[in-house]
N, C-alpha and C. Protein backbone atom coordinates (compact mmCIF):
# COMPACT_ATOMS: atom_id res chain seq x y z
N MET A 1 -48.66 46.91 -30.74
CA MET A 1 -47.21 46.93 -30.49
C MET A 1 -46.50 45.93 -31.40
N PRO A 2 -45.29 46.28 -31.87
CA PRO A 2 -44.55 45.34 -32.71
C PRO A 2 -44.29 44.04 -31.96
N THR A 3 -44.36 42.93 -32.68
CA THR A 3 -44.10 41.63 -32.06
C THR A 3 -42.64 41.21 -32.24
N ILE A 4 -41.86 42.02 -32.95
CA ILE A 4 -40.45 41.72 -33.16
C ILE A 4 -39.67 43.02 -33.01
N ASP A 5 -38.48 42.94 -32.50
CA ASP A 5 -37.69 44.15 -32.29
C ASP A 5 -37.03 44.56 -33.61
N PRO A 6 -36.51 45.80 -33.70
CA PRO A 6 -35.90 46.26 -34.95
C PRO A 6 -34.73 45.39 -35.40
N LEU A 7 -33.93 44.89 -34.47
CA LEU A 7 -32.79 44.05 -34.85
C LEU A 7 -33.27 42.75 -35.49
N GLY A 8 -34.34 42.19 -34.95
CA GLY A 8 -34.91 40.98 -35.54
C GLY A 8 -35.49 41.23 -36.92
N ALA A 9 -36.11 42.40 -37.09
CA ALA A 9 -36.67 42.75 -38.39
C ALA A 9 -35.57 42.89 -39.43
N LEU A 10 -34.44 43.46 -39.04
CA LEU A 10 -33.30 43.57 -39.96
C LEU A 10 -32.76 42.19 -40.32
N CYS A 11 -32.59 41.35 -39.31
CA CYS A 11 -32.05 40.01 -39.53
C CYS A 11 -32.91 39.22 -40.51
N ALA A 12 -34.22 39.40 -40.43
CA ALA A 12 -35.13 38.68 -41.33
C ALA A 12 -34.93 39.06 -42.78
N GLU A 13 -34.30 40.22 -43.03
CA GLU A 13 -34.04 40.68 -44.39
C GLU A 13 -32.58 40.49 -44.80
N GLY A 14 -31.81 39.78 -43.98
CA GLY A 14 -30.40 39.58 -44.29
C GLY A 14 -29.55 40.79 -43.99
N LEU A 15 -30.01 41.62 -43.07
CA LEU A 15 -29.31 42.86 -42.73
C LEU A 15 -28.83 42.83 -41.29
N LEU A 16 -27.82 43.65 -41.01
CA LEU A 16 -27.22 43.73 -39.68
C LEU A 16 -27.28 45.15 -39.15
N ALA A 17 -27.48 45.28 -37.84
CA ALA A 17 -27.27 46.55 -37.17
C ALA A 17 -25.78 46.64 -36.85
N LEU A 18 -25.05 47.42 -37.64
CA LEU A 18 -23.61 47.52 -37.44
C LEU A 18 -23.26 48.38 -36.24
N ALA A 19 -24.08 49.39 -35.99
CA ALA A 19 -23.77 50.34 -34.92
C ALA A 19 -25.01 51.12 -34.57
N VAL A 20 -25.00 51.71 -33.39
CA VAL A 20 -26.07 52.60 -32.95
C VAL A 20 -25.43 53.85 -32.36
N THR A 21 -25.91 54.99 -32.78
CA THR A 21 -25.44 56.23 -32.17
C THR A 21 -26.63 56.97 -31.59
N GLY A 22 -26.36 58.06 -30.89
CA GLY A 22 -27.38 58.68 -30.06
C GLY A 22 -28.29 59.66 -30.76
N PRO A 23 -29.26 60.17 -30.02
CA PRO A 23 -30.26 61.08 -30.58
C PRO A 23 -29.71 62.45 -30.95
N ASP A 24 -28.50 62.77 -30.48
CA ASP A 24 -27.93 64.09 -30.78
C ASP A 24 -27.15 64.10 -32.09
N ALA A 25 -27.15 63.00 -32.84
CA ALA A 25 -26.42 62.94 -34.11
C ALA A 25 -27.03 63.90 -35.12
N ASP A 26 -26.19 64.51 -35.93
CA ASP A 26 -26.66 65.41 -36.97
C ASP A 26 -27.61 64.69 -37.92
N PHE A 27 -28.57 65.43 -38.44
CA PHE A 27 -29.53 64.96 -39.43
C PHE A 27 -30.63 64.09 -38.85
N CYS A 28 -30.60 63.80 -37.56
CA CYS A 28 -31.65 62.96 -36.99
C CYS A 28 -32.97 63.71 -36.96
N PRO A 29 -34.06 63.08 -37.36
CA PRO A 29 -35.37 63.72 -37.25
C PRO A 29 -35.74 63.94 -35.79
N PRO A 30 -36.61 64.91 -35.51
CA PRO A 30 -37.07 65.12 -34.14
C PRO A 30 -37.68 63.84 -33.56
N GLY A 31 -37.41 63.60 -32.29
CA GLY A 31 -37.96 62.42 -31.62
C GLY A 31 -37.10 61.18 -31.73
N THR A 32 -35.98 61.26 -32.44
CA THR A 32 -35.09 60.10 -32.57
C THR A 32 -34.40 59.79 -31.25
N GLN A 33 -34.48 58.55 -30.81
CA GLN A 33 -33.73 58.09 -29.65
C GLN A 33 -32.51 57.25 -30.04
N SER A 34 -32.61 56.54 -31.16
CA SER A 34 -31.51 55.69 -31.62
C SER A 34 -31.37 55.82 -33.12
N LEU A 35 -30.14 55.96 -33.58
CA LEU A 35 -29.85 55.94 -35.00
C LEU A 35 -29.07 54.66 -35.29
N VAL A 36 -29.71 53.73 -35.97
CA VAL A 36 -29.15 52.40 -36.22
C VAL A 36 -28.54 52.38 -37.62
N LEU A 37 -27.23 52.14 -37.69
CA LEU A 37 -26.55 52.05 -38.98
C LEU A 37 -26.64 50.60 -39.47
N VAL A 38 -27.13 50.43 -40.68
CA VAL A 38 -27.51 49.11 -41.20
C VAL A 38 -26.63 48.71 -42.38
N GLY A 39 -26.14 47.48 -42.34
CA GLY A 39 -25.36 46.93 -43.45
C GLY A 39 -25.81 45.53 -43.79
N PRO A 40 -25.32 44.98 -44.89
CA PRO A 40 -25.70 43.62 -45.29
C PRO A 40 -24.90 42.56 -44.56
N GLU A 41 -25.53 41.41 -44.34
CA GLU A 41 -24.79 40.26 -43.85
C GLU A 41 -23.86 39.75 -44.95
N GLY A 42 -22.80 39.08 -44.52
CA GLY A 42 -21.89 38.48 -45.49
C GLY A 42 -22.39 37.14 -45.98
N GLY A 43 -21.59 36.49 -46.79
CA GLY A 43 -21.96 35.18 -47.31
C GLY A 43 -23.13 35.26 -48.27
N THR A 44 -23.99 34.25 -48.23
CA THR A 44 -25.08 34.16 -49.20
C THR A 44 -26.37 34.81 -48.74
N THR A 45 -26.51 35.09 -47.44
CA THR A 45 -27.81 35.45 -46.88
C THR A 45 -28.43 36.66 -47.56
N TRP A 46 -27.76 37.79 -47.49
CA TRP A 46 -28.33 39.01 -48.05
C TRP A 46 -28.35 38.97 -49.57
N TRP A 47 -27.26 38.52 -50.17
CA TRP A 47 -27.16 38.57 -51.62
C TRP A 47 -28.22 37.69 -52.28
N SER A 48 -28.46 36.52 -51.74
CA SER A 48 -29.48 35.65 -52.33
C SER A 48 -30.87 36.28 -52.19
N ARG A 49 -31.07 37.00 -51.12
CA ARG A 49 -32.37 37.63 -50.90
C ARG A 49 -32.59 38.79 -51.88
N VAL A 50 -31.57 39.65 -52.00
CA VAL A 50 -31.76 40.84 -52.83
C VAL A 50 -31.80 40.48 -54.31
N THR A 51 -31.08 39.45 -54.73
CA THR A 51 -31.11 39.07 -56.14
C THR A 51 -32.38 38.30 -56.52
N ALA A 52 -33.17 37.93 -55.53
CA ALA A 52 -34.47 37.32 -55.80
C ALA A 52 -35.59 38.35 -55.77
N ALA A 53 -35.27 39.59 -55.40
CA ALA A 53 -36.27 40.63 -55.24
C ALA A 53 -36.69 41.21 -56.59
N PRO A 54 -37.88 41.81 -56.67
CA PRO A 54 -38.34 42.37 -57.95
C PRO A 54 -37.44 43.47 -58.49
N GLU A 55 -36.81 44.24 -57.61
CA GLU A 55 -35.94 45.32 -58.08
C GLU A 55 -34.78 44.80 -58.92
N TRP A 56 -34.31 43.60 -58.60
CA TRP A 56 -33.18 43.03 -59.32
C TRP A 56 -33.55 42.62 -60.75
N HIS A 57 -34.83 42.36 -60.98
CA HIS A 57 -35.27 41.79 -62.26
C HIS A 57 -36.10 42.74 -63.12
N ASP A 58 -36.37 43.95 -62.64
CA ASP A 58 -37.28 44.82 -63.40
C ASP A 58 -36.59 45.68 -64.45
N GLY A 59 -35.26 45.64 -64.51
CA GLY A 59 -34.54 46.37 -65.54
C GLY A 59 -34.31 47.83 -65.26
N ALA A 60 -34.83 48.35 -64.16
CA ALA A 60 -34.64 49.75 -63.81
C ALA A 60 -33.29 49.94 -63.13
N PRO A 61 -32.75 51.18 -63.13
CA PRO A 61 -31.43 51.41 -62.54
C PRO A 61 -31.43 51.22 -61.02
N ASP A 62 -30.24 51.04 -60.49
CA ASP A 62 -29.96 51.04 -59.05
C ASP A 62 -30.84 50.06 -58.26
N PRO A 63 -30.82 48.79 -58.61
CA PRO A 63 -31.70 47.83 -57.91
C PRO A 63 -31.40 47.70 -56.43
N LEU A 64 -30.13 47.76 -56.02
CA LEU A 64 -29.81 47.59 -54.60
C LEU A 64 -30.29 48.78 -53.79
N ASP A 65 -30.11 49.99 -54.32
CA ASP A 65 -30.58 51.17 -53.60
C ASP A 65 -32.10 51.16 -53.49
N ARG A 66 -32.77 50.76 -54.56
CA ARG A 66 -34.24 50.74 -54.51
C ARG A 66 -34.74 49.66 -53.55
N TRP A 67 -34.08 48.51 -53.54
CA TRP A 67 -34.44 47.47 -52.57
C TRP A 67 -34.25 48.00 -51.16
N SER A 68 -33.12 48.64 -50.91
CA SER A 68 -32.84 49.15 -49.56
C SER A 68 -33.88 50.17 -49.13
N LYS A 69 -34.27 51.04 -50.04
CA LYS A 69 -35.25 52.07 -49.67
C LYS A 69 -36.62 51.45 -49.40
N ARG A 70 -36.97 50.46 -50.16
CA ARG A 70 -38.26 49.79 -49.90
C ARG A 70 -38.23 49.04 -48.57
N VAL A 71 -37.21 48.23 -48.36
CA VAL A 71 -37.18 47.37 -47.18
C VAL A 71 -36.92 48.18 -45.91
N LEU A 72 -35.92 49.04 -45.92
CA LEU A 72 -35.64 49.83 -44.72
C LEU A 72 -36.74 50.85 -44.46
N GLY A 73 -37.34 51.37 -45.53
CA GLY A 73 -38.46 52.27 -45.33
C GLY A 73 -39.61 51.59 -44.61
N ALA A 74 -39.89 50.34 -44.98
CA ALA A 74 -40.97 49.59 -44.33
C ALA A 74 -40.65 49.27 -42.88
N ILE A 75 -39.39 48.90 -42.60
CA ILE A 75 -39.00 48.61 -41.22
C ILE A 75 -39.08 49.88 -40.37
N ALA A 76 -38.60 50.99 -40.90
CA ALA A 76 -38.67 52.25 -40.15
C ALA A 76 -40.12 52.62 -39.85
N GLU A 77 -40.99 52.50 -40.83
CA GLU A 77 -42.40 52.83 -40.63
C GLU A 77 -43.02 51.91 -39.58
N ARG A 78 -42.64 50.66 -39.61
CA ARG A 78 -43.20 49.68 -38.66
C ARG A 78 -42.93 50.08 -37.22
N PHE A 79 -41.77 50.71 -36.99
CA PHE A 79 -41.39 51.09 -35.63
C PHE A 79 -41.51 52.60 -35.38
N GLY A 80 -42.25 53.28 -36.24
CA GLY A 80 -42.51 54.70 -36.04
C GLY A 80 -41.34 55.61 -36.32
N GLY A 81 -40.38 55.14 -37.12
CA GLY A 81 -39.18 55.92 -37.38
C GLY A 81 -39.06 56.37 -38.83
N THR A 82 -37.84 56.75 -39.18
CA THR A 82 -37.53 57.25 -40.51
C THR A 82 -36.28 56.55 -41.03
N ALA A 83 -36.28 56.17 -42.28
CA ALA A 83 -35.09 55.58 -42.90
C ALA A 83 -34.28 56.67 -43.60
N LEU A 84 -32.97 56.60 -43.42
CA LEU A 84 -32.04 57.54 -44.05
C LEU A 84 -31.05 56.75 -44.90
N PHE A 85 -30.57 57.38 -45.98
CA PHE A 85 -29.74 56.65 -46.93
C PHE A 85 -28.53 57.47 -47.37
N PRO A 86 -27.41 56.79 -47.67
CA PRO A 86 -26.22 57.52 -48.13
C PRO A 86 -26.47 58.36 -49.37
N SER A 87 -27.45 57.96 -50.19
CA SER A 87 -27.74 58.70 -51.42
C SER A 87 -28.64 59.91 -51.20
N ASP A 88 -29.16 60.09 -50.00
CA ASP A 88 -30.01 61.24 -49.71
C ASP A 88 -29.15 62.51 -49.74
N GLY A 89 -29.59 63.50 -50.44
CA GLY A 89 -28.84 64.74 -50.45
C GLY A 89 -28.75 65.34 -51.84
N PRO A 90 -28.07 66.50 -51.94
CA PRO A 90 -27.43 67.20 -50.82
C PRO A 90 -28.45 67.91 -49.94
N PRO A 91 -28.09 68.15 -48.69
CA PRO A 91 -26.85 67.75 -47.99
C PRO A 91 -26.87 66.24 -47.73
N TRP A 92 -25.68 65.66 -47.68
CA TRP A 92 -25.54 64.21 -47.55
C TRP A 92 -25.48 63.80 -46.08
N PRO A 93 -26.24 62.80 -45.69
CA PRO A 93 -26.15 62.31 -44.30
C PRO A 93 -24.72 61.86 -43.99
N PRO A 94 -24.19 62.23 -42.83
CA PRO A 94 -22.78 61.95 -42.50
C PRO A 94 -22.56 60.54 -41.96
N PHE A 95 -22.73 59.54 -42.81
CA PHE A 95 -22.61 58.16 -42.35
C PHE A 95 -21.23 57.86 -41.76
N PHE A 96 -20.18 58.40 -42.37
CA PHE A 96 -18.83 58.12 -41.86
C PHE A 96 -18.67 58.66 -40.44
N ARG A 97 -19.13 59.88 -40.22
CA ARG A 97 -19.02 60.45 -38.87
C ARG A 97 -19.93 59.72 -37.89
N TRP A 98 -21.13 59.37 -38.31
CA TRP A 98 -22.00 58.59 -37.44
C TRP A 98 -21.30 57.30 -37.02
N ALA A 99 -20.67 56.65 -37.97
CA ALA A 99 -20.00 55.38 -37.68
C ALA A 99 -18.90 55.56 -36.64
N LEU A 100 -18.07 56.57 -36.81
CA LEU A 100 -16.99 56.80 -35.85
C LEU A 100 -17.54 57.18 -34.49
N ASP A 101 -18.61 57.98 -34.47
CA ASP A 101 -19.19 58.41 -33.19
C ASP A 101 -19.83 57.25 -32.43
N SER A 102 -20.19 56.19 -33.14
CA SER A 102 -20.88 55.07 -32.49
C SER A 102 -19.98 54.25 -31.58
N GLY A 103 -18.67 54.29 -31.81
CA GLY A 103 -17.75 53.46 -31.03
C GLY A 103 -17.77 52.00 -31.42
N ARG A 104 -18.40 51.68 -32.57
CA ARG A 104 -18.43 50.29 -33.05
C ARG A 104 -17.83 50.14 -34.44
N LEU A 105 -17.42 51.24 -35.03
CA LEU A 105 -16.65 51.21 -36.27
C LEU A 105 -15.50 52.20 -36.13
N TRP A 106 -14.39 51.88 -36.79
CA TRP A 106 -13.19 52.69 -36.63
C TRP A 106 -12.54 52.88 -38.00
N GLN A 107 -11.71 53.92 -38.10
CA GLN A 107 -10.95 54.10 -39.33
C GLN A 107 -9.76 53.16 -39.31
N SER A 108 -9.63 52.39 -40.37
CA SER A 108 -8.59 51.36 -40.45
C SER A 108 -7.27 51.96 -40.92
N PRO A 109 -6.18 51.19 -40.89
CA PRO A 109 -4.90 51.68 -41.40
C PRO A 109 -4.90 51.98 -42.90
N VAL A 110 -5.93 51.52 -43.62
CA VAL A 110 -6.02 51.84 -45.04
C VAL A 110 -7.16 52.82 -45.33
N GLY A 111 -7.65 53.48 -44.27
CA GLY A 111 -8.62 54.54 -44.45
C GLY A 111 -10.07 54.11 -44.38
N MET A 112 -10.40 52.93 -44.84
CA MET A 112 -11.78 52.46 -44.82
C MET A 112 -12.23 52.16 -43.39
N LEU A 113 -13.54 52.18 -43.19
CA LEU A 113 -14.07 51.81 -41.89
C LEU A 113 -13.89 50.31 -41.65
N VAL A 114 -13.61 49.98 -40.40
CA VAL A 114 -13.49 48.58 -40.01
C VAL A 114 -14.46 48.29 -38.87
N HIS A 115 -15.05 47.11 -38.90
CA HIS A 115 -16.04 46.67 -37.91
C HIS A 115 -15.49 45.44 -37.22
N HIS A 116 -15.83 45.27 -35.95
CA HIS A 116 -15.23 44.16 -35.19
C HIS A 116 -15.59 42.80 -35.76
N ASP A 117 -16.72 42.69 -36.43
CA ASP A 117 -17.19 41.41 -36.96
C ASP A 117 -17.10 41.35 -38.48
N CYS A 118 -17.43 42.43 -39.15
CA CYS A 118 -17.42 42.46 -40.62
C CYS A 118 -16.07 42.86 -41.19
N GLY A 119 -15.16 43.33 -40.35
CA GLY A 119 -13.87 43.76 -40.84
C GLY A 119 -14.01 44.90 -41.83
N LEU A 120 -13.24 44.84 -42.92
CA LEU A 120 -13.29 45.89 -43.94
C LEU A 120 -14.44 45.70 -44.93
N TRP A 121 -15.24 44.65 -44.74
CA TRP A 121 -16.43 44.48 -45.57
C TRP A 121 -17.60 45.35 -45.10
N ALA A 122 -17.43 46.05 -44.00
CA ALA A 122 -18.51 46.88 -43.49
C ALA A 122 -18.95 47.90 -44.54
N SER A 123 -20.24 47.97 -44.77
CA SER A 123 -20.81 48.96 -45.69
C SER A 123 -22.23 49.24 -45.25
N PHE A 124 -22.79 50.33 -45.73
CA PHE A 124 -24.10 50.77 -45.26
C PHE A 124 -25.13 50.69 -46.37
N ARG A 125 -26.27 50.09 -46.04
CA ARG A 125 -27.44 50.16 -46.90
C ARG A 125 -28.33 51.31 -46.50
N GLY A 126 -28.19 51.78 -45.27
CA GLY A 126 -28.99 52.90 -44.79
C GLY A 126 -28.91 52.99 -43.29
N ALA A 127 -29.80 53.78 -42.71
CA ALA A 127 -29.88 53.94 -41.26
C ALA A 127 -31.34 54.07 -40.86
N LEU A 128 -31.65 53.63 -39.66
CA LEU A 128 -32.99 53.77 -39.09
C LEU A 128 -32.94 54.77 -37.95
N ALA A 129 -33.66 55.87 -38.09
CA ALA A 129 -33.82 56.83 -37.00
C ALA A 129 -35.10 56.45 -36.27
N LEU A 130 -34.95 55.89 -35.06
CA LEU A 130 -36.08 55.29 -34.35
C LEU A 130 -36.40 56.03 -33.07
N PRO A 131 -37.70 56.10 -32.70
CA PRO A 131 -38.11 56.77 -31.47
C PRO A 131 -38.09 55.83 -30.27
N LEU A 132 -37.12 54.93 -30.23
CA LEU A 132 -37.00 53.97 -29.13
C LEU A 132 -35.53 53.62 -28.95
N ALA A 133 -35.22 53.11 -27.77
CA ALA A 133 -33.83 52.79 -27.45
C ALA A 133 -33.45 51.44 -28.04
N VAL A 134 -32.33 51.41 -28.76
CA VAL A 134 -31.77 50.18 -29.31
C VAL A 134 -30.35 50.07 -28.78
N HIS A 135 -30.02 48.91 -28.24
CA HIS A 135 -28.70 48.73 -27.62
C HIS A 135 -27.95 47.58 -28.28
N LEU A 136 -26.67 47.78 -28.49
CA LEU A 136 -25.78 46.73 -28.97
C LEU A 136 -24.67 46.55 -27.95
N PRO A 137 -24.11 45.35 -27.84
CA PRO A 137 -23.04 45.13 -26.87
C PRO A 137 -21.78 45.90 -27.25
N PRO A 138 -20.92 46.18 -26.28
CA PRO A 138 -19.66 46.87 -26.58
C PRO A 138 -18.81 46.06 -27.55
N ALA A 139 -17.97 46.75 -28.27
CA ALA A 139 -17.07 46.09 -29.23
C ALA A 139 -15.71 46.77 -29.18
N GLU A 140 -14.69 46.05 -29.60
CA GLU A 140 -13.33 46.58 -29.61
C GLU A 140 -12.81 46.67 -31.04
N ASN A 141 -11.99 47.65 -31.28
CA ASN A 141 -11.38 47.85 -32.58
C ASN A 141 -10.49 46.65 -32.91
N PRO A 142 -10.81 45.88 -33.95
CA PRO A 142 -10.00 44.69 -34.26
C PRO A 142 -8.58 45.04 -34.68
N CYS A 143 -8.36 46.25 -35.15
CA CYS A 143 -7.01 46.64 -35.58
C CYS A 143 -6.05 46.75 -34.40
N ASP A 144 -6.60 46.98 -33.20
CA ASP A 144 -5.73 47.13 -32.02
C ASP A 144 -4.98 45.86 -31.70
N THR A 145 -5.53 44.72 -32.06
CA THR A 145 -4.88 43.44 -31.76
C THR A 145 -4.41 42.73 -33.03
N CYS A 146 -4.44 43.42 -34.15
CA CYS A 146 -3.99 42.84 -35.42
C CYS A 146 -2.53 43.23 -35.63
N VAL A 147 -1.64 42.36 -35.26
CA VAL A 147 -0.21 42.68 -35.31
C VAL A 147 0.30 42.76 -36.75
N ASP A 148 -0.15 41.85 -37.59
CA ASP A 148 0.40 41.75 -38.95
C ASP A 148 -0.14 42.83 -39.89
N ARG A 149 -1.38 43.24 -39.69
CA ARG A 149 -2.04 44.27 -40.51
C ARG A 149 -1.85 44.00 -42.01
N PRO A 150 -2.33 42.87 -42.49
CA PRO A 150 -2.13 42.52 -43.90
C PRO A 150 -2.80 43.48 -44.88
N CYS A 151 -3.81 44.21 -44.42
CA CYS A 151 -4.48 45.15 -45.32
C CYS A 151 -3.53 46.21 -45.85
N THR A 152 -2.51 46.57 -45.06
CA THR A 152 -1.61 47.64 -45.46
C THR A 152 -0.68 47.23 -46.61
N ARG A 153 -0.57 45.93 -46.87
CA ARG A 153 0.30 45.45 -47.93
C ARG A 153 -0.47 44.80 -49.07
N ALA A 154 -1.78 44.72 -48.95
CA ALA A 154 -2.56 43.92 -49.89
C ALA A 154 -2.80 44.61 -51.23
N CYS A 155 -2.95 45.92 -51.24
CA CYS A 155 -3.24 46.61 -52.50
C CYS A 155 -2.06 46.47 -53.45
N PRO A 156 -2.26 45.94 -54.64
CA PRO A 156 -1.15 45.71 -55.57
C PRO A 156 -0.44 46.98 -56.03
N VAL A 157 -1.12 48.12 -55.93
CA VAL A 157 -0.51 49.38 -56.38
C VAL A 157 -0.40 50.41 -55.26
N ALA A 158 -0.54 49.94 -54.01
CA ALA A 158 -0.39 50.82 -52.84
C ALA A 158 -1.22 52.09 -52.96
N ALA A 159 -2.47 51.93 -53.35
CA ALA A 159 -3.35 53.08 -53.52
C ALA A 159 -4.00 53.54 -52.23
N LEU A 160 -3.87 52.75 -51.16
CA LEU A 160 -4.58 53.03 -49.92
C LEU A 160 -3.62 53.31 -48.78
N SER A 161 -3.98 54.30 -47.96
CA SER A 161 -3.25 54.56 -46.72
C SER A 161 -4.23 55.14 -45.72
N ALA A 162 -3.76 55.38 -44.51
CA ALA A 162 -4.63 55.92 -43.47
C ALA A 162 -5.06 57.35 -43.78
N THR A 163 -4.31 58.05 -44.61
CA THR A 163 -4.57 59.47 -44.85
C THR A 163 -5.00 59.79 -46.27
N ALA A 164 -4.87 58.86 -47.19
CA ALA A 164 -5.19 59.19 -48.58
C ALA A 164 -5.60 57.94 -49.36
N TYR A 165 -6.37 58.18 -50.41
CA TYR A 165 -6.77 57.12 -51.33
C TYR A 165 -6.49 57.63 -52.74
N ASP A 166 -5.56 57.01 -53.41
CA ASP A 166 -5.18 57.41 -54.76
C ASP A 166 -6.14 56.76 -55.75
N THR A 167 -7.24 57.44 -56.01
CA THR A 167 -8.29 56.86 -56.85
C THR A 167 -7.81 56.66 -58.29
N ALA A 168 -6.99 57.57 -58.79
CA ALA A 168 -6.50 57.44 -60.17
C ALA A 168 -5.65 56.18 -60.32
N ARG A 169 -4.79 55.93 -59.34
CA ARG A 169 -3.94 54.74 -59.39
C ARG A 169 -4.79 53.47 -59.30
N CYS A 170 -5.78 53.49 -58.42
CA CYS A 170 -6.67 52.34 -58.26
C CYS A 170 -7.40 52.04 -59.57
N HIS A 171 -8.03 53.05 -60.15
CA HIS A 171 -8.82 52.81 -61.37
C HIS A 171 -7.93 52.41 -62.55
N ALA A 172 -6.73 52.97 -62.61
CA ALA A 172 -5.81 52.57 -63.68
C ALA A 172 -5.45 51.09 -63.56
N TYR A 173 -5.25 50.63 -62.33
CA TYR A 173 -4.95 49.21 -62.13
C TYR A 173 -6.14 48.34 -62.50
N LEU A 174 -7.34 48.78 -62.15
CA LEU A 174 -8.53 48.00 -62.48
C LEU A 174 -8.75 47.91 -63.99
N ASP A 175 -8.21 48.85 -64.73
CA ASP A 175 -8.30 48.79 -66.20
C ASP A 175 -7.33 47.79 -66.80
N SER A 176 -6.34 47.36 -66.02
CA SER A 176 -5.31 46.47 -66.54
C SER A 176 -5.74 45.01 -66.45
N THR A 177 -4.99 44.17 -67.14
CA THR A 177 -5.25 42.73 -67.07
C THR A 177 -5.08 42.21 -65.65
N ALA A 178 -4.05 42.67 -64.96
CA ALA A 178 -3.82 42.23 -63.58
C ALA A 178 -4.95 42.64 -62.66
N GLY A 179 -5.63 43.73 -62.99
CA GLY A 179 -6.71 44.21 -62.15
C GLY A 179 -7.97 43.37 -62.18
N ARG A 180 -8.01 42.36 -63.05
CA ARG A 180 -9.20 41.51 -63.12
C ARG A 180 -9.44 40.77 -61.82
N ASP A 181 -8.40 40.49 -61.07
CA ASP A 181 -8.59 39.79 -59.79
C ASP A 181 -9.45 40.63 -58.85
N CYS A 182 -9.13 41.92 -58.74
CA CYS A 182 -9.93 42.80 -57.88
C CYS A 182 -11.32 43.02 -58.46
N MET A 183 -11.42 43.12 -59.77
CA MET A 183 -12.73 43.31 -60.39
C MET A 183 -13.64 42.10 -60.17
N THR A 184 -13.05 40.93 -60.09
CA THR A 184 -13.84 39.71 -59.93
C THR A 184 -14.11 39.36 -58.47
N HIS A 185 -13.12 39.57 -57.61
CA HIS A 185 -13.23 39.11 -56.23
C HIS A 185 -13.33 40.24 -55.20
N GLY A 186 -13.20 41.48 -55.65
CA GLY A 186 -13.30 42.61 -54.74
C GLY A 186 -11.94 43.13 -54.32
N CYS A 187 -11.97 44.27 -53.67
CA CYS A 187 -10.76 44.96 -53.21
C CYS A 187 -9.85 44.02 -52.43
N ALA A 188 -8.58 43.97 -52.82
CA ALA A 188 -7.63 43.07 -52.17
C ALA A 188 -7.40 43.43 -50.71
N ALA A 189 -7.43 44.71 -50.39
CA ALA A 189 -7.25 45.12 -48.99
C ALA A 189 -8.41 44.64 -48.13
N ARG A 190 -9.61 44.76 -48.64
CA ARG A 190 -10.77 44.28 -47.89
C ARG A 190 -10.69 42.77 -47.67
N ARG A 191 -10.29 42.06 -48.69
CA ARG A 191 -10.19 40.60 -48.58
C ARG A 191 -9.12 40.16 -47.60
N ALA A 192 -8.11 41.00 -47.40
CA ALA A 192 -6.98 40.62 -46.54
C ALA A 192 -7.29 40.78 -45.06
N CYS A 193 -8.37 41.47 -44.71
CA CYS A 193 -8.68 41.77 -43.31
C CYS A 193 -9.11 40.51 -42.56
N PRO A 194 -8.36 40.08 -41.54
CA PRO A 194 -8.74 38.87 -40.79
C PRO A 194 -10.08 38.99 -40.08
N ALA A 195 -10.41 40.20 -39.62
CA ALA A 195 -11.64 40.37 -38.86
C ALA A 195 -12.88 40.10 -39.70
N GLY A 196 -12.77 40.24 -41.02
CA GLY A 196 -13.94 40.09 -41.87
C GLY A 196 -14.06 38.77 -42.57
N GLU A 197 -13.25 37.78 -42.18
CA GLU A 197 -13.26 36.50 -42.89
C GLU A 197 -14.64 35.84 -42.92
N SER A 198 -15.37 35.96 -41.83
CA SER A 198 -16.68 35.30 -41.77
C SER A 198 -17.75 36.05 -42.55
N HIS A 199 -17.44 37.26 -43.01
CA HIS A 199 -18.41 38.06 -43.76
C HIS A 199 -17.97 38.29 -45.20
N ALA A 200 -17.07 37.49 -45.69
CA ALA A 200 -16.60 37.66 -47.07
C ALA A 200 -17.76 37.56 -48.05
N ARG A 201 -17.68 38.36 -49.10
CA ARG A 201 -18.73 38.37 -50.11
C ARG A 201 -18.55 37.24 -51.12
N LEU A 202 -19.65 36.85 -51.71
CA LEU A 202 -19.59 35.93 -52.84
C LEU A 202 -18.90 36.62 -54.01
N PRO A 203 -18.19 35.86 -54.85
CA PRO A 203 -17.53 36.47 -56.01
C PRO A 203 -18.49 37.26 -56.89
N GLU A 204 -19.70 36.74 -57.10
CA GLU A 204 -20.64 37.45 -57.96
C GLU A 204 -21.10 38.77 -57.33
N GLN A 205 -21.19 38.81 -56.00
CA GLN A 205 -21.54 40.07 -55.34
C GLN A 205 -20.40 41.07 -55.48
N SER A 206 -19.18 40.61 -55.22
CA SER A 206 -18.02 41.50 -55.37
C SER A 206 -17.91 42.02 -56.80
N ALA A 207 -18.11 41.14 -57.77
CA ALA A 207 -18.01 41.56 -59.17
C ALA A 207 -19.06 42.62 -59.50
N TYR A 208 -20.26 42.46 -58.96
CA TYR A 208 -21.30 43.47 -59.20
C TYR A 208 -20.90 44.81 -58.61
N HIS A 209 -20.50 44.82 -57.34
CA HIS A 209 -20.13 46.08 -56.70
C HIS A 209 -18.95 46.74 -57.41
N MET A 210 -17.98 45.95 -57.82
CA MET A 210 -16.82 46.52 -58.51
C MET A 210 -17.22 47.09 -59.87
N SER A 211 -18.18 46.47 -60.53
CA SER A 211 -18.64 47.00 -61.81
C SER A 211 -19.35 48.33 -61.64
N ARG A 212 -19.97 48.54 -60.49
CA ARG A 212 -20.62 49.82 -60.21
C ARG A 212 -19.60 50.87 -59.80
N PHE A 213 -18.58 50.44 -59.10
CA PHE A 213 -17.53 51.35 -58.65
C PHE A 213 -16.63 51.79 -59.81
N HIS A 214 -16.29 50.87 -60.68
CA HIS A 214 -15.33 51.15 -61.76
C HIS A 214 -16.09 51.17 -63.08
N ARG A 215 -16.60 52.36 -63.44
CA ARG A 215 -17.39 52.50 -64.67
C ARG A 215 -16.78 53.58 -65.55
């Protein structure tokens, strides 16, 4: 029998169980009792771990995805489950719908998912489809008590809304001199979210992700 629970195994790798949804979720392998949506911890914990890993230094493409598949694959196997990833497909696993169905992530006023603890920094490295029950405490949508909603005013070119994302406007801004702030420190709307202050990314992590997003 495992001597550590799945949540502890994730924590040891700098990862968080952001949400858990039920066995009736689409794409779940037979025998799944819990589908655990997994994201990185903020601050230095996860980033320092992944940048010390062999995938980061071997020169091959997609080091973060390969690290995630190795680490989450091993955790899933340890507990008799299966690891699923946003890059799997087609057909693509419905991570966004899983997140909303979990009741622990919500669509924010700027369209991105928001988490009660990670705010707009919430992102997925993968999911664990496990043949055992995993429980997380209830959580409330942080936007319900956010009166000021600074995320709605943070984007310098108003590319984000609850119903649309103007990707052309966003990328054009990132090409400009003024866009260097977002390229270096990450999306201004994400940074403005009060709920995610404790999970803010390091500048070097944000710069890496933005370089992958804006190519």
